[in-house]
Amino acid sequence: MSEEQAAMATLVHLAQFRYLAVETFRRNGVGVVTPVWFVAQDGRLY
């Protein structure tokens, strides 16, 4: 599978969801999860 095909497969998979979770970490190592709303359109995430 080419890199472009893999990227499109990922977009197709993500398109079924409304948001993704981004986890960042505080200095003390505790993770903080933030929901990020997005839309997939024309092969891109916005």
N, C-alpha and C. Protein backbone atom coordinates (compact mmCIF):
# COMPACT_ATOMS: atom_id res chain seq x y z
N MET A 1 0.85 -1.17 0.00
CA MET A 1 0.00 0.00 0.00
C MET A 1 0.90 1.24 0.00
N SER A 2 0.60 2.17 -0.90
CA SER A 2 1.41 3.39 -0.97
C SER A 2 1.07 4.32 0.19
N GLU A 3 1.91 5.31 0.39
CA GLU A 3 1.68 6.29 1.46
C GLU A 3 0.37 7.05 1.24
N GLU A 4 0.08 7.38 -0.01
CA GLU A 4 -1.17 8.09 -0.33
C GLU A 4 -2.39 7.21 -0.06
N GLN A 5 -2.31 5.96 -0.43
CA GLN A 5 -3.42 5.03 -0.17
C GLN A 5 -3.64 4.85 1.33
N ALA A 6 -2.56 4.78 2.08
CA ALA A 6 -2.66 4.64 3.53
C ALA A 6 -3.30 5.88 4.15
N ALA A 7 -2.94 7.05 3.65
CA ALA A 7 -3.52 8.30 4.16
C ALA A 7 -5.02 8.35 3.86
N MET A 8 -5.42 7.95 2.66
CA MET A 8 -6.84 7.96 2.31
C MET A 8 -7.61 6.95 3.15
N ALA A 9 -7.02 5.79 3.40
CA ALA A 9 -7.67 4.78 4.23
C ALA A 9 -7.87 5.32 5.65
N THR A 10 -6.89 6.06 6.15
CA THR A 10 -7.02 6.67 7.47
C THR A 10 -8.14 7.69 7.49
N LEU A 11 -8.23 8.53 6.44
CA LEU A 11 -9.30 9.52 6.37
C LEU A 11 -10.67 8.87 6.30
N VAL A 12 -10.78 7.80 5.52
CA VAL A 12 -12.05 7.09 5.41
C VAL A 12 -12.45 6.54 6.79
N HIS A 13 -11.47 6.01 7.51
CA HIS A 13 -11.75 5.48 8.85
C HIS A 13 -12.16 6.60 9.80
N LEU A 14 -11.43 7.72 9.80
CA LEU A 14 -11.74 8.83 10.71
C LEU A 14 -13.06 9.51 10.38
N ALA A 15 -13.49 9.47 9.13
CA ALA A 15 -14.71 10.16 8.71
C ALA A 15 -15.95 9.66 9.44
N GLN A 16 -15.89 8.46 10.02
CA GLN A 16 -17.05 7.94 10.73
C GLN A 16 -17.17 8.50 12.15
N PHE A 17 -16.18 9.27 12.59
CA PHE A 17 -16.19 9.85 13.93
C PHE A 17 -16.40 11.35 13.86
N ARG A 18 -16.74 11.95 15.01
CA ARG A 18 -16.95 13.39 15.08
C ARG A 18 -15.76 14.11 15.70
N TYR A 19 -15.01 13.43 16.52
CA TYR A 19 -13.86 14.06 17.16
C TYR A 19 -12.80 13.01 17.43
N LEU A 20 -11.59 13.49 17.72
CA LEU A 20 -10.52 12.61 18.14
C LEU A 20 -9.98 13.13 19.46
N ALA A 21 -9.24 12.33 20.14
CA ALA A 21 -8.70 12.72 21.44
C ALA A 21 -7.20 12.95 21.31
N VAL A 22 -6.77 14.14 21.73
CA VAL A 22 -5.35 14.48 21.75
C VAL A 22 -4.92 14.47 23.21
N GLU A 23 -3.89 13.70 23.50
CA GLU A 23 -3.41 13.65 24.89
C GLU A 23 -2.07 14.36 24.98
N THR A 24 -2.02 15.35 25.86
CA THR A 24 -0.77 16.04 26.17
C THR A 24 -0.42 15.71 27.61
N PHE A 25 0.81 16.02 27.99
CA PHE A 25 1.27 15.65 29.32
C PHE A 25 1.80 16.86 30.07
N ARG A 26 1.38 16.94 31.32
CA ARG A 26 1.89 17.99 32.20
C ARG A 26 3.32 17.66 32.61
N ARG A 27 3.99 18.63 33.18
CA ARG A 27 5.38 18.42 33.61
C ARG A 27 5.50 17.27 34.61
N ASN A 28 4.45 17.04 35.39
CA ASN A 28 4.52 15.96 36.38
C ASN A 28 4.17 14.59 35.78
N GLY A 29 3.93 14.55 34.46
CA GLY A 29 3.68 13.29 33.77
C GLY A 29 2.22 12.88 33.65
N VAL A 30 1.31 13.66 34.23
CA VAL A 30 -0.11 13.35 34.17
C VAL A 30 -0.65 13.71 32.78
N GLY A 31 -1.34 12.77 32.16
CA GLY A 31 -1.91 13.00 30.84
C GLY A 31 -3.21 13.80 30.92
N VAL A 32 -3.41 14.69 29.96
CA VAL A 32 -4.63 15.48 29.87
C VAL A 32 -5.21 15.26 28.48
N VAL A 33 -6.39 14.65 28.41
CA VAL A 33 -7.02 14.34 27.13
C VAL A 33 -7.95 15.48 26.74
N THR A 34 -7.81 15.96 25.49
CA THR A 34 -8.65 17.04 24.98
C THR A 34 -9.36 16.56 23.73
N PRO A 35 -10.70 16.62 23.70
CA PRO A 35 -11.42 16.24 22.48
C PRO A 35 -11.23 17.34 21.42
N VAL A 36 -10.98 16.93 20.20
CA VAL A 36 -10.80 17.86 19.09
C VAL A 36 -11.82 17.52 18.01
N TRP A 37 -12.72 18.46 17.75
CA TRP A 37 -13.74 18.27 16.72
C TRP A 37 -13.11 18.50 15.36
N PHE A 38 -13.52 17.71 14.36
CA PHE A 38 -12.95 17.85 13.02
C PHE A 38 -13.98 17.42 12.00
N VAL A 39 -13.70 17.75 10.74
CA VAL A 39 -14.49 17.27 9.62
C VAL A 39 -13.51 16.85 8.52
N ALA A 40 -13.81 15.76 7.86
CA ALA A 40 -13.02 15.31 6.72
C ALA A 40 -13.74 15.75 5.45
N GLN A 41 -13.02 16.48 4.60
CA GLN A 41 -13.61 16.95 3.35
C GLN A 41 -12.52 17.07 2.30
N ASP A 42 -12.81 16.58 1.11
CA ASP A 42 -11.87 16.65 -0.02
C ASP A 42 -10.49 16.10 0.33
N GLY A 43 -10.47 15.01 1.08
CA GLY A 43 -9.20 14.36 1.39
C GLY A 43 -8.37 15.07 2.45
N ARG A 44 -8.99 15.98 3.20
CA ARG A 44 -8.26 16.71 4.25
C ARG A 44 -9.09 16.73 5.53
N LEU A 45 -8.40 16.92 6.64
CA LEU A 45 -9.08 17.11 7.92
C LEU A 45 -9.06 18.59 8.26
N TYR A 46 -10.20 19.09 8.70
CA TYR A 46 -10.32 20.49 9.11
C TYR A 46 -10.82 20.55 10.53
